[in-house]
């Protein structure tokens, strides 16, 4: 029952995720960080079983670090990172698929612009202005569609995510008490706010 949101604004991307680690009727953890930093200016929000979530996000982040070390510190663009992740999901689909749905957000310093990519466990990839993974999309995509406009400020993007979280508190059957919100812009990836102090995966 994981929830991951993403909203692009003028100058970067907001990523948010619930902090619960649950299976069936049990909650194991309520301070999990499901948004993994991939590079200095990109992060991956992942929903799915905790084992696949950790394995996939750590695998791609270490490969991006290796690429940067092997190429004189040259980082991959957000577009290239999204296509690498999509390819990994496509290859795994024919072997042992990762049960993960992702939102990848990044800021490209070369062009001074943020971008957001939506992908699912079947390796479908799409560049979007806003997105949501999990059952929460039934409630939140309509809110994002109504309130997202071109040239959105960071404050308004966070307000849209807050509206989505409030809607889930009222209407969603599953209790998700804590949410983590991160911003990716020209200053890099940083945590904006959280419900519980994030723990290691």
N, C-alpha and C. Protein backbone atom coordinates (compact mmCIF):
# COMPACT_ATOMS: atom_id res chain seq x y z
N UNK A 1 0.82 -1.20 0.00
CA UNK A 1 0.00 0.00 0.00
C UNK A 1 0.86 1.26 0.00
N UNK A 2 2.00 1.18 -0.67
CA UNK A 2 2.92 2.32 -0.69
C UNK A 2 2.34 3.48 -1.49
N UNK A 3 2.76 4.67 -1.11
CA UNK A 3 2.34 5.89 -1.80
C UNK A 3 3.56 6.73 -2.12
N UNK A 4 3.71 7.10 -3.39
CA UNK A 4 4.79 8.00 -3.81
C UNK A 4 4.18 9.07 -4.71
N UNK A 5 4.48 10.35 -4.42
CA UNK A 5 4.01 11.47 -5.22
C UNK A 5 5.19 12.18 -5.86
N UNK A 6 4.92 12.85 -6.96
CA UNK A 6 5.91 13.72 -7.56
C UNK A 6 5.23 14.90 -8.23
N UNK A 7 5.77 16.09 -8.04
CA UNK A 7 5.23 17.30 -8.68
C UNK A 7 6.41 18.13 -9.19
N UNK A 8 6.38 18.45 -10.47
CA UNK A 8 7.41 19.30 -11.04
C UNK A 8 7.00 20.76 -10.86
N UNK A 9 7.95 21.60 -10.48
CA UNK A 9 7.68 23.04 -10.38
C UNK A 9 8.73 23.80 -11.17
N UNK A 10 8.55 25.10 -11.28
CA UNK A 10 9.47 25.92 -12.06
C UNK A 10 10.79 26.06 -11.31
N UNK A 11 11.72 25.17 -11.61
CA UNK A 11 13.01 25.21 -10.93
C UNK A 11 13.36 23.93 -10.21
N UNK A 12 12.56 22.88 -10.36
CA UNK A 12 12.89 21.62 -9.71
C UNK A 12 11.71 20.67 -9.61
N UNK A 13 11.85 19.72 -8.68
CA UNK A 13 10.85 18.66 -8.49
C UNK A 13 10.66 18.41 -7.00
N UNK A 14 9.42 18.15 -6.61
CA UNK A 14 9.09 17.70 -5.25
C UNK A 14 8.78 16.21 -5.31
N UNK A 15 9.41 15.41 -4.47
CA UNK A 15 9.08 13.99 -4.32
C UNK A 15 8.61 13.76 -2.88
N UNK A 16 7.56 12.97 -2.73
CA UNK A 16 7.05 12.65 -1.40
C UNK A 16 6.66 11.18 -1.35
N UNK A 17 6.80 10.58 -0.18
CA UNK A 17 6.45 9.17 -0.01
C UNK A 17 6.02 8.91 1.43
N UNK A 18 5.15 7.91 1.59
CA UNK A 18 4.80 7.51 2.95
C UNK A 18 6.00 6.79 3.56
N UNK A 19 6.05 6.71 4.87
CA UNK A 19 7.21 6.13 5.56
C UNK A 19 6.90 4.77 6.18
N UNK A 20 5.82 4.13 5.75
CA UNK A 20 5.42 2.86 6.35
C UNK A 20 6.03 1.67 5.63
N UNK A 21 6.41 0.68 6.40
CA UNK A 21 6.86 -0.60 5.88
C UNK A 21 5.88 -1.64 6.42
N UNK A 22 4.99 -2.11 5.55
CA UNK A 22 3.91 -3.00 6.01
C UNK A 22 3.75 -4.17 5.06
N UNK A 23 3.20 -5.25 5.60
CA UNK A 23 2.85 -6.41 4.78
C UNK A 23 1.60 -7.02 5.37
N UNK A 24 0.62 -7.25 4.50
CA UNK A 24 -0.67 -7.79 4.95
C UNK A 24 -1.26 -6.87 6.02
N UNK A 25 -1.52 -7.39 7.22
CA UNK A 25 -2.14 -6.56 8.26
C UNK A 25 -1.11 -6.04 9.27
N UNK A 26 0.18 -6.27 8.99
CA UNK A 26 1.22 -5.86 9.94
C UNK A 26 2.01 -4.65 9.45
N UNK A 27 2.28 -3.73 10.35
CA UNK A 27 3.19 -2.61 10.08
C UNK A 27 4.49 -2.88 10.82
N UNK A 28 5.59 -2.90 10.08
CA UNK A 28 6.89 -3.18 10.68
C UNK A 28 7.64 -1.90 11.06
N UNK A 29 7.37 -0.84 10.34
CA UNK A 29 8.17 0.37 10.48
C UNK A 29 7.33 1.56 10.03
N UNK A 30 7.54 2.71 10.66
CA UNK A 30 6.80 3.91 10.22
C UNK A 30 7.74 5.10 10.04
N UNK A 31 9.03 4.81 9.83
CA UNK A 31 10.00 5.89 9.60
C UNK A 31 10.97 5.56 8.46
N UNK A 32 10.47 4.83 7.47
CA UNK A 32 11.30 4.39 6.34
C UNK A 32 11.49 5.54 5.34
N UNK A 33 12.66 5.60 4.73
CA UNK A 33 12.93 6.58 3.67
C UNK A 33 12.85 5.85 2.32
N UNK A 34 11.78 6.10 1.56
CA UNK A 34 11.57 5.43 0.28
C UNK A 34 12.06 6.28 -0.91
N UNK A 35 12.70 7.41 -0.59
CA UNK A 35 13.23 8.28 -1.65
C UNK A 35 14.76 8.23 -1.58
N UNK A 36 15.36 7.53 -2.53
CA UNK A 36 16.81 7.32 -2.55
C UNK A 36 17.49 8.36 -3.42
N UNK A 37 18.53 8.98 -2.90
CA UNK A 37 19.30 9.94 -3.69
C UNK A 37 20.18 9.17 -4.67
N UNK A 38 20.05 9.48 -5.97
CA UNK A 38 20.81 8.79 -7.01
C UNK A 38 22.10 9.52 -7.34
N UNK A 39 22.03 10.84 -7.35
CA UNK A 39 23.21 11.67 -7.61
C UNK A 39 23.01 12.96 -6.84
N UNK A 40 23.91 13.92 -7.04
CA UNK A 40 23.79 15.18 -6.29
C UNK A 40 22.51 15.91 -6.62
N UNK A 41 21.93 15.68 -7.84
CA UNK A 41 20.75 16.42 -8.27
C UNK A 41 19.64 15.50 -8.78
N UNK A 42 19.53 14.29 -8.24
CA UNK A 42 18.43 13.41 -8.64
C UNK A 42 18.10 12.43 -7.52
N UNK A 43 16.84 11.99 -7.50
CA UNK A 43 16.38 11.04 -6.48
C UNK A 43 15.28 10.16 -7.07
N UNK A 44 15.12 9.00 -6.47
CA UNK A 44 14.16 8.00 -6.94
C UNK A 44 13.21 7.64 -5.81
N UNK A 45 11.93 7.91 -6.01
CA UNK A 45 10.89 7.48 -5.07
C UNK A 45 10.35 6.14 -5.52
N UNK A 46 10.36 5.16 -4.63
CA UNK A 46 10.00 3.79 -5.02
C UNK A 46 8.90 3.25 -4.12
N UNK A 47 7.91 2.60 -4.74
CA UNK A 47 6.90 1.88 -3.98
C UNK A 47 6.98 0.40 -4.35
N UNK A 48 6.78 -0.44 -3.37
CA UNK A 48 6.86 -1.87 -3.60
C UNK A 48 7.32 -2.60 -2.34
N UNK A 49 7.47 -3.93 -2.41
CA UNK A 49 7.96 -4.68 -1.25
C UNK A 49 9.32 -4.14 -0.81
N UNK A 50 9.57 -4.13 0.49
CA UNK A 50 10.79 -3.51 1.02
C UNK A 50 12.07 -4.11 0.43
N UNK A 51 12.09 -5.41 0.22
CA UNK A 51 13.30 -6.05 -0.32
C UNK A 51 13.60 -5.55 -1.73
N UNK A 52 12.60 -5.51 -2.61
CA UNK A 52 12.80 -5.02 -3.97
C UNK A 52 13.09 -3.53 -3.99
N UNK A 53 12.42 -2.79 -3.11
CA UNK A 53 12.63 -1.35 -3.00
C UNK A 53 14.10 -1.04 -2.71
N UNK A 54 14.65 -1.71 -1.71
CA UNK A 54 16.05 -1.49 -1.32
C UNK A 54 17.00 -1.99 -2.40
N UNK A 55 16.77 -3.21 -2.91
CA UNK A 55 17.68 -3.79 -3.90
C UNK A 55 17.75 -2.94 -5.16
N UNK A 56 16.60 -2.54 -5.69
CA UNK A 56 16.60 -1.80 -6.95
C UNK A 56 17.19 -0.41 -6.78
N UNK A 57 16.75 0.32 -5.75
CA UNK A 57 17.23 1.70 -5.59
C UNK A 57 18.72 1.74 -5.28
N UNK A 58 19.23 0.80 -4.48
CA UNK A 58 20.67 0.76 -4.20
C UNK A 58 21.46 0.34 -5.43
N UNK A 59 20.95 -0.60 -6.19
CA UNK A 59 21.64 -1.07 -7.40
C UNK A 59 21.83 0.06 -8.40
N UNK A 60 20.77 0.81 -8.69
CA UNK A 60 20.89 1.87 -9.70
C UNK A 60 21.73 3.04 -9.17
N UNK A 61 21.59 3.37 -7.89
CA UNK A 61 22.36 4.50 -7.34
C UNK A 61 23.87 4.19 -7.37
N UNK A 62 24.26 2.94 -7.05
CA UNK A 62 25.68 2.58 -7.08
C UNK A 62 26.21 2.54 -8.51
N UNK A 63 25.38 2.15 -9.46
CA UNK A 63 25.81 2.15 -10.86
C UNK A 63 26.00 3.56 -11.39
N UNK A 64 25.16 4.49 -10.95
CA UNK A 64 25.33 5.89 -11.36
C UNK A 64 26.62 6.46 -10.76
N UNK A 65 26.91 6.08 -9.52
CA UNK A 65 28.15 6.53 -8.88
C UNK A 65 29.37 5.97 -9.62
N UNK A 66 29.29 4.70 -10.02
CA UNK A 66 30.38 4.06 -10.78
C UNK A 66 30.58 4.75 -12.12
N UNK A 67 29.48 5.07 -12.80
CA UNK A 67 29.57 5.76 -14.09
C UNK A 67 30.28 7.11 -13.93
N UNK A 68 29.92 7.82 -12.88
CA UNK A 68 30.51 9.14 -12.64
C UNK A 68 32.02 9.02 -12.35
N UNK A 69 32.39 8.01 -11.57
CA UNK A 69 33.81 7.78 -11.27
C UNK A 69 34.59 7.40 -12.53
N UNK A 70 33.95 6.64 -13.40
CA UNK A 70 34.62 6.15 -14.62
C UNK A 70 34.70 7.20 -15.72
N UNK A 71 33.95 8.32 -15.57
CA UNK A 71 33.89 9.32 -16.62
C UNK A 71 34.27 10.71 -16.12
N UNK A 72 35.33 10.76 -15.31
CA UNK A 72 35.89 12.03 -14.83
C UNK A 72 34.87 12.93 -14.15
N UNK A 73 33.98 12.32 -13.37
CA UNK A 73 33.01 13.09 -12.59
C UNK A 73 31.82 13.59 -13.37
N UNK A 74 31.68 13.16 -14.63
CA UNK A 74 30.54 13.59 -15.46
C UNK A 74 29.28 12.84 -15.04
N UNK A 75 28.25 13.55 -14.55
CA UNK A 75 27.03 12.85 -14.13
C UNK A 75 26.10 12.58 -15.31
N UNK A 76 25.28 11.56 -15.19
CA UNK A 76 24.25 11.28 -16.19
C UNK A 76 23.14 12.32 -16.06
N UNK A 77 22.50 12.66 -17.17
CA UNK A 77 21.34 13.55 -17.13
C UNK A 77 20.15 12.79 -16.53
N UNK A 78 19.15 13.52 -16.11
CA UNK A 78 17.94 12.88 -15.54
C UNK A 78 17.30 11.97 -16.57
N UNK A 79 17.27 12.42 -17.83
CA UNK A 79 16.71 11.61 -18.92
C UNK A 79 17.46 10.29 -19.07
N UNK A 80 18.79 10.35 -19.03
CA UNK A 80 19.62 9.14 -19.15
C UNK A 80 19.41 8.21 -17.96
N UNK A 81 19.31 8.78 -16.76
CA UNK A 81 19.07 7.97 -15.56
C UNK A 81 17.73 7.24 -15.65
N UNK A 82 16.70 7.94 -16.12
CA UNK A 82 15.37 7.33 -16.25
C UNK A 82 15.39 6.18 -17.25
N UNK A 83 16.10 6.38 -18.36
CA UNK A 83 16.17 5.32 -19.37
C UNK A 83 17.00 4.13 -18.90
N UNK A 84 18.03 4.38 -18.09
CA UNK A 84 18.81 3.28 -17.51
C UNK A 84 17.92 2.45 -16.57
N UNK A 85 17.17 3.14 -15.71
CA UNK A 85 16.26 2.44 -14.78
C UNK A 85 15.21 1.64 -15.54
N UNK A 86 14.67 2.23 -16.60
CA UNK A 86 13.67 1.53 -17.40
C UNK A 86 14.25 0.28 -18.03
N UNK A 87 15.49 0.38 -18.53
CA UNK A 87 16.14 -0.78 -19.14
C UNK A 87 16.38 -1.88 -18.10
N UNK A 88 16.80 -1.50 -16.90
CA UNK A 88 17.02 -2.50 -15.84
C UNK A 88 15.72 -3.22 -15.49
N UNK A 89 14.62 -2.47 -15.44
CA UNK A 89 13.31 -3.08 -15.15
C UNK A 89 12.89 -4.01 -16.28
N UNK A 90 13.17 -3.62 -17.54
CA UNK A 90 12.81 -4.43 -18.69
C UNK A 90 13.60 -5.73 -18.72
N UNK A 91 14.90 -5.67 -18.42
CA UNK A 91 15.74 -6.87 -18.39
C UNK A 91 15.28 -7.80 -17.27
N UNK A 92 15.02 -7.22 -16.10
CA UNK A 92 14.59 -8.03 -14.94
C UNK A 92 13.23 -8.67 -15.17
N UNK A 93 12.40 -8.04 -15.99
CA UNK A 93 11.05 -8.55 -16.25
C UNK A 93 11.07 -9.94 -16.86
N UNK A 94 12.13 -10.25 -17.60
CA UNK A 94 12.24 -11.54 -18.27
C UNK A 94 13.01 -12.56 -17.45
N UNK A 95 13.48 -12.16 -16.27
CA UNK A 95 14.22 -13.06 -15.40
C UNK A 95 13.49 -13.21 -14.06
N UNK A 96 13.70 -12.22 -13.19
CA UNK A 96 13.01 -12.17 -11.90
C UNK A 96 12.63 -10.72 -11.66
N UNK A 97 11.40 -10.34 -12.00
CA UNK A 97 11.05 -8.91 -12.00
C UNK A 97 11.12 -8.25 -10.63
N UNK A 98 11.55 -6.99 -10.64
CA UNK A 98 11.45 -6.15 -9.45
C UNK A 98 10.00 -5.70 -9.33
N UNK A 99 9.39 -5.89 -8.17
CA UNK A 99 8.01 -5.44 -7.98
C UNK A 99 8.02 -3.99 -7.48
N UNK A 100 8.52 -3.09 -8.32
CA UNK A 100 8.65 -1.69 -7.91
C UNK A 100 8.01 -0.77 -8.93
N UNK A 101 7.39 0.28 -8.44
CA UNK A 101 6.88 1.37 -9.27
C UNK A 101 7.59 2.63 -8.81
N UNK A 102 8.08 3.43 -9.75
CA UNK A 102 9.00 4.51 -9.40
C UNK A 102 8.59 5.87 -9.96
N UNK A 103 9.05 6.89 -9.26
CA UNK A 103 9.04 8.26 -9.77
C UNK A 103 10.47 8.78 -9.64
N UNK A 104 11.07 9.17 -10.75
CA UNK A 104 12.44 9.68 -10.74
C UNK A 104 12.41 11.17 -11.03
N UNK A 105 12.95 11.94 -10.11
CA UNK A 105 13.01 13.39 -10.29
C UNK A 105 14.44 13.86 -10.29
N UNK A 106 14.72 14.87 -11.09
CA UNK A 106 16.08 15.39 -11.14
C UNK A 106 16.12 16.81 -11.64
N UNK A 107 17.26 17.45 -11.42
CA UNK A 107 17.49 18.81 -11.90
C UNK A 107 18.79 18.79 -12.70
N UNK A 108 18.70 19.19 -13.96
CA UNK A 108 19.89 19.21 -14.83
C UNK A 108 20.50 20.60 -14.80
N UNK A 109 21.69 20.70 -14.21
CA UNK A 109 22.36 22.00 -14.08
C UNK A 109 22.76 22.56 -15.44
N UNK A 110 22.96 21.69 -16.43
CA UNK A 110 23.38 22.14 -17.76
C UNK A 110 22.30 22.96 -18.46
N UNK A 111 21.04 22.62 -18.19
CA UNK A 111 19.94 23.36 -18.83
C UNK A 111 19.12 24.17 -17.82
N UNK A 112 19.44 23.99 -16.52
CA UNK A 112 18.75 24.75 -15.48
C UNK A 112 17.27 24.43 -15.37
N UNK A 113 16.96 23.13 -15.47
CA UNK A 113 15.55 22.72 -15.47
C UNK A 113 15.38 21.38 -14.77
N UNK A 114 14.25 21.22 -14.07
CA UNK A 114 13.92 19.95 -13.42
C UNK A 114 13.02 19.11 -14.30
N UNK A 115 13.04 17.79 -14.08
CA UNK A 115 12.16 16.90 -14.83
C UNK A 115 11.75 15.71 -13.95
N UNK A 116 10.59 15.15 -14.27
CA UNK A 116 10.01 14.05 -13.50
C UNK A 116 9.62 12.93 -14.44
N UNK A 117 9.99 11.69 -14.07
CA UNK A 117 9.68 10.52 -14.89
C UNK A 117 8.91 9.49 -14.07
N UNK A 118 7.86 8.94 -14.68
CA UNK A 118 7.02 7.91 -14.07
C UNK A 118 7.36 6.58 -14.72
N UNK A 119 7.58 5.54 -13.92
CA UNK A 119 7.79 4.21 -14.48
C UNK A 119 7.19 3.15 -13.57
N UNK A 120 6.78 2.05 -14.20
CA UNK A 120 6.19 0.97 -13.40
C UNK A 120 7.02 -0.31 -13.53
N UNK A 121 6.58 -1.37 -12.85
CA UNK A 121 7.37 -2.60 -12.82
C UNK A 121 7.41 -3.32 -14.17
N UNK A 122 6.52 -2.94 -15.09
CA UNK A 122 6.52 -3.52 -16.44
C UNK A 122 7.43 -2.74 -17.39
N UNK A 123 8.19 -1.79 -16.85
CA UNK A 123 9.17 -0.99 -17.58
C UNK A 123 8.54 0.03 -18.52
N UNK A 124 7.33 0.45 -18.21
CA UNK A 124 6.74 1.57 -18.94
C UNK A 124 7.36 2.86 -18.39
N UNK A 125 7.68 3.80 -19.27
CA UNK A 125 8.33 5.04 -18.85
C UNK A 125 7.65 6.22 -19.51
N UNK A 126 7.41 7.26 -18.73
CA UNK A 126 6.79 8.45 -19.28
C UNK A 126 7.28 9.69 -18.53
N UNK A 127 7.57 10.75 -19.28
CA UNK A 127 7.94 12.03 -18.66
C UNK A 127 6.64 12.75 -18.32
N UNK A 128 6.51 13.19 -17.06
CA UNK A 128 5.25 13.78 -16.60
C UNK A 128 5.51 15.09 -15.84
N UNK A 129 4.45 15.87 -15.67
CA UNK A 129 4.52 17.08 -14.85
C UNK A 129 4.21 16.78 -13.39
N UNK A 130 3.43 15.73 -13.18
CA UNK A 130 3.08 15.27 -11.84
C UNK A 130 2.72 13.80 -11.93
N UNK A 131 2.88 13.09 -10.84
CA UNK A 131 2.57 11.67 -10.87
C UNK A 131 2.37 11.10 -9.49
N UNK A 132 1.80 9.91 -9.45
CA UNK A 132 1.54 9.23 -8.18
C UNK A 132 1.60 7.73 -8.43
N UNK A 133 2.18 7.00 -7.49
CA UNK A 133 2.24 5.54 -7.56
C UNK A 133 1.47 4.96 -6.38
N UNK A 134 0.85 3.83 -6.61
CA UNK A 134 0.11 3.17 -5.54
C UNK A 134 -1.39 3.43 -5.63
N UNK A 135 -2.13 2.84 -4.69
CA UNK A 135 -3.59 3.01 -4.67
C UNK A 135 -4.00 4.46 -4.43
N UNK A 136 -3.09 5.25 -3.86
CA UNK A 136 -3.38 6.65 -3.58
C UNK A 136 -3.65 7.45 -4.85
N UNK A 137 -3.19 6.94 -5.99
CA UNK A 137 -3.42 7.65 -7.25
C UNK A 137 -4.91 7.82 -7.54
N UNK A 138 -5.73 6.92 -7.01
CA UNK A 138 -7.18 7.03 -7.20
C UNK A 138 -7.74 8.32 -6.60
N UNK A 139 -7.07 8.83 -5.56
CA UNK A 139 -7.53 10.04 -4.89
C UNK A 139 -6.73 11.27 -5.31
N UNK A 140 -5.47 11.08 -5.63
CA UNK A 140 -4.55 12.22 -5.74
C UNK A 140 -4.36 12.76 -7.14
N UNK A 141 -4.50 11.94 -8.17
CA UNK A 141 -4.26 12.44 -9.52
C UNK A 141 -5.25 13.53 -9.91
N UNK A 142 -6.49 13.42 -9.44
CA UNK A 142 -7.48 14.46 -9.75
C UNK A 142 -7.11 15.79 -9.08
N UNK A 143 -6.56 15.72 -7.85
CA UNK A 143 -6.12 16.94 -7.15
C UNK A 143 -4.96 17.58 -7.90
N UNK A 144 -4.00 16.76 -8.32
CA UNK A 144 -2.85 17.28 -9.07
C UNK A 144 -3.29 17.87 -10.40
N UNK A 145 -4.22 17.20 -11.07
CA UNK A 145 -4.71 17.68 -12.35
C UNK A 145 -5.42 19.03 -12.21
N UNK A 146 -6.14 19.21 -11.12
CA UNK A 146 -6.87 20.45 -10.89
C UNK A 146 -5.94 21.62 -10.53
N UNK A 147 -4.91 21.35 -9.72
CA UNK A 147 -4.11 22.44 -9.16
C UNK A 147 -2.77 22.69 -9.86
N UNK A 148 -2.28 21.71 -10.66
CA UNK A 148 -0.99 21.93 -11.31
C UNK A 148 -1.14 22.88 -12.48
N UNK A 149 -0.27 23.88 -12.56
CA UNK A 149 -0.23 24.81 -13.69
C UNK A 149 1.23 25.02 -14.09
N UNK A 150 1.44 25.46 -15.30
CA UNK A 150 2.79 25.77 -15.78
C UNK A 150 3.38 26.92 -14.96
N UNK A 151 4.66 26.81 -14.62
CA UNK A 151 5.32 27.88 -13.87
C UNK A 151 5.02 27.86 -12.38
N UNK A 152 4.68 26.68 -11.86
CA UNK A 152 4.37 26.50 -10.44
C UNK A 152 5.58 26.83 -9.57
N UNK A 153 5.35 27.49 -8.43
CA UNK A 153 6.44 27.75 -7.48
C UNK A 153 6.63 26.55 -6.57
N UNK A 154 7.77 26.50 -5.88
CA UNK A 154 8.03 25.39 -4.96
C UNK A 154 6.98 25.33 -3.86
N UNK A 155 6.60 26.49 -3.31
CA UNK A 155 5.61 26.54 -2.22
C UNK A 155 4.27 25.97 -2.68
N UNK A 156 3.87 26.29 -3.91
CA UNK A 156 2.59 25.78 -4.42
C UNK A 156 2.67 24.29 -4.73
N UNK A 157 3.84 23.82 -5.17
CA UNK A 157 4.01 22.39 -5.41
C UNK A 157 3.90 21.61 -4.10
N UNK A 158 4.53 22.13 -3.04
CA UNK A 158 4.42 21.49 -1.72
C UNK A 158 2.98 21.52 -1.23
N UNK A 159 2.27 22.62 -1.51
CA UNK A 159 0.86 22.74 -1.10
C UNK A 159 0.00 21.68 -1.79
N UNK A 160 0.31 21.36 -3.07
CA UNK A 160 -0.43 20.31 -3.78
C UNK A 160 -0.20 18.96 -3.10
N UNK A 161 1.06 18.67 -2.76
CA UNK A 161 1.38 17.41 -2.07
C UNK A 161 0.67 17.34 -0.72
N UNK A 162 0.66 18.46 0.00
CA UNK A 162 -0.03 18.51 1.30
C UNK A 162 -1.53 18.24 1.14
N UNK A 163 -2.13 18.76 0.07
CA UNK A 163 -3.56 18.51 -0.20
C UNK A 163 -3.80 17.02 -0.42
N UNK A 164 -2.88 16.38 -1.15
CA UNK A 164 -2.99 14.94 -1.42
C UNK A 164 -2.90 14.14 -0.12
N UNK A 165 -1.95 14.51 0.73
CA UNK A 165 -1.77 13.81 2.01
C UNK A 165 -3.01 13.96 2.89
N UNK A 166 -3.58 15.16 2.93
CA UNK A 166 -4.79 15.40 3.73
C UNK A 166 -5.97 14.59 3.19
N UNK A 167 -6.05 14.49 1.86
CA UNK A 167 -7.12 13.70 1.24
C UNK A 167 -7.00 12.23 1.62
N UNK A 168 -5.77 11.71 1.65
CA UNK A 168 -5.57 10.31 2.04
C UNK A 168 -5.94 10.08 3.50
N UNK A 169 -5.64 11.05 4.35
CA UNK A 169 -5.99 10.93 5.78
C UNK A 169 -7.49 10.81 5.97
N UNK A 170 -8.25 11.47 5.10
CA UNK A 170 -9.71 11.47 5.22
C UNK A 170 -10.35 10.26 4.54
N UNK A 171 -9.86 9.92 3.33
CA UNK A 171 -10.59 8.98 2.48
C UNK A 171 -9.96 7.61 2.30
N UNK A 172 -8.65 7.48 2.57
CA UNK A 172 -7.97 6.21 2.30
C UNK A 172 -8.18 5.24 3.46
N UNK A 173 -8.49 4.00 3.12
CA UNK A 173 -8.77 2.97 4.12
C UNK A 173 -7.55 2.66 4.98
N UNK A 174 -6.36 2.68 4.37
CA UNK A 174 -5.13 2.31 5.06
C UNK A 174 -4.52 3.54 5.73
N UNK A 175 -4.19 3.42 7.00
CA UNK A 175 -3.56 4.53 7.73
C UNK A 175 -2.08 4.64 7.35
N UNK A 176 -1.67 5.82 6.91
CA UNK A 176 -0.28 6.09 6.61
C UNK A 176 0.10 7.34 7.41
N UNK A 177 0.57 7.15 8.65
CA UNK A 177 0.72 8.29 9.56
C UNK A 177 1.83 9.27 9.21
N UNK A 178 2.89 8.79 8.54
CA UNK A 178 4.05 9.65 8.30
C UNK A 178 4.39 9.75 6.81
N UNK A 179 4.73 10.95 6.39
CA UNK A 179 5.15 11.20 5.01
C UNK A 179 6.46 11.98 5.01
N UNK A 180 7.29 11.68 4.02
CA UNK A 180 8.57 12.35 3.85
C UNK A 180 8.52 13.14 2.54
N UNK A 181 8.94 14.40 2.57
CA UNK A 181 8.94 15.25 1.38
C UNK A 181 10.35 15.74 1.11
N UNK A 182 10.82 15.53 -0.12
CA UNK A 182 12.14 16.00 -0.53
C UNK A 182 12.02 16.91 -1.75
N UNK A 183 12.92 17.87 -1.84
CA UNK A 183 12.96 18.78 -2.98
C UNK A 183 14.28 18.60 -3.72
N UNK A 184 14.20 18.66 -5.05
CA UNK A 184 15.39 18.57 -5.90
C UNK A 184 15.41 19.83 -6.77
N UNK A 185 16.42 20.66 -6.59
CA UNK A 185 16.54 21.89 -7.37
C UNK A 185 18.01 22.20 -7.62
N UNK A 186 18.32 23.45 -7.97
CA UNK A 186 19.71 23.82 -8.30
C UNK A 186 20.67 23.59 -7.14
N UNK A 187 20.15 23.53 -5.90
CA UNK A 187 20.99 23.32 -4.72
C UNK A 187 21.17 21.84 -4.39
N UNK A 188 20.57 20.94 -5.19
CA UNK A 188 20.69 19.51 -4.95
C UNK A 188 19.45 18.90 -4.32
N UNK A 189 19.64 17.74 -3.68
CA UNK A 189 18.54 17.01 -3.04
C UNK A 189 18.56 17.29 -1.55
N UNK A 190 17.43 17.68 -0.99
CA UNK A 190 17.36 17.90 0.46
C UNK A 190 15.97 17.54 0.98
N UNK A 191 15.93 17.18 2.24
CA UNK A 191 14.66 16.85 2.90
C UNK A 191 13.97 18.13 3.33
N UNK A 192 12.71 18.27 2.94
CA UNK A 192 11.94 19.46 3.29
C UNK A 192 11.22 19.26 4.62
N UNK A 193 10.54 18.12 4.76
CA UNK A 193 9.89 17.79 6.03
C UNK A 193 9.59 16.31 6.09
N UNK A 194 9.36 15.81 7.31
CA UNK A 194 9.06 14.40 7.49
C UNK A 194 8.16 14.20 8.70
N UNK A 195 7.44 13.09 8.69
CA UNK A 195 6.57 12.76 9.81
C UNK A 195 7.33 12.10 10.94
N UNK A 196 8.33 11.29 10.58
CA UNK A 196 9.19 10.63 11.56
C UNK A 196 10.62 10.67 11.03
N UNK A 197 11.59 10.77 11.92
CA UNK A 197 12.99 10.86 11.52
C UNK A 197 13.34 9.64 10.65
N UNK A 198 13.74 9.86 9.38
CA UNK A 198 13.95 8.72 8.48
C UNK A 198 15.03 7.76 8.96
N UNK A 199 14.75 6.46 8.78
CA UNK A 199 15.70 5.41 9.15
C UNK A 199 16.34 4.86 7.89
N UNK A 200 17.45 4.17 8.05
CA UNK A 200 18.08 3.49 6.93
C UNK A 200 17.16 2.40 6.43
N UNK A 201 17.24 2.13 5.11
CA UNK A 201 16.46 1.04 4.54
C UNK A 201 16.99 -0.28 5.05
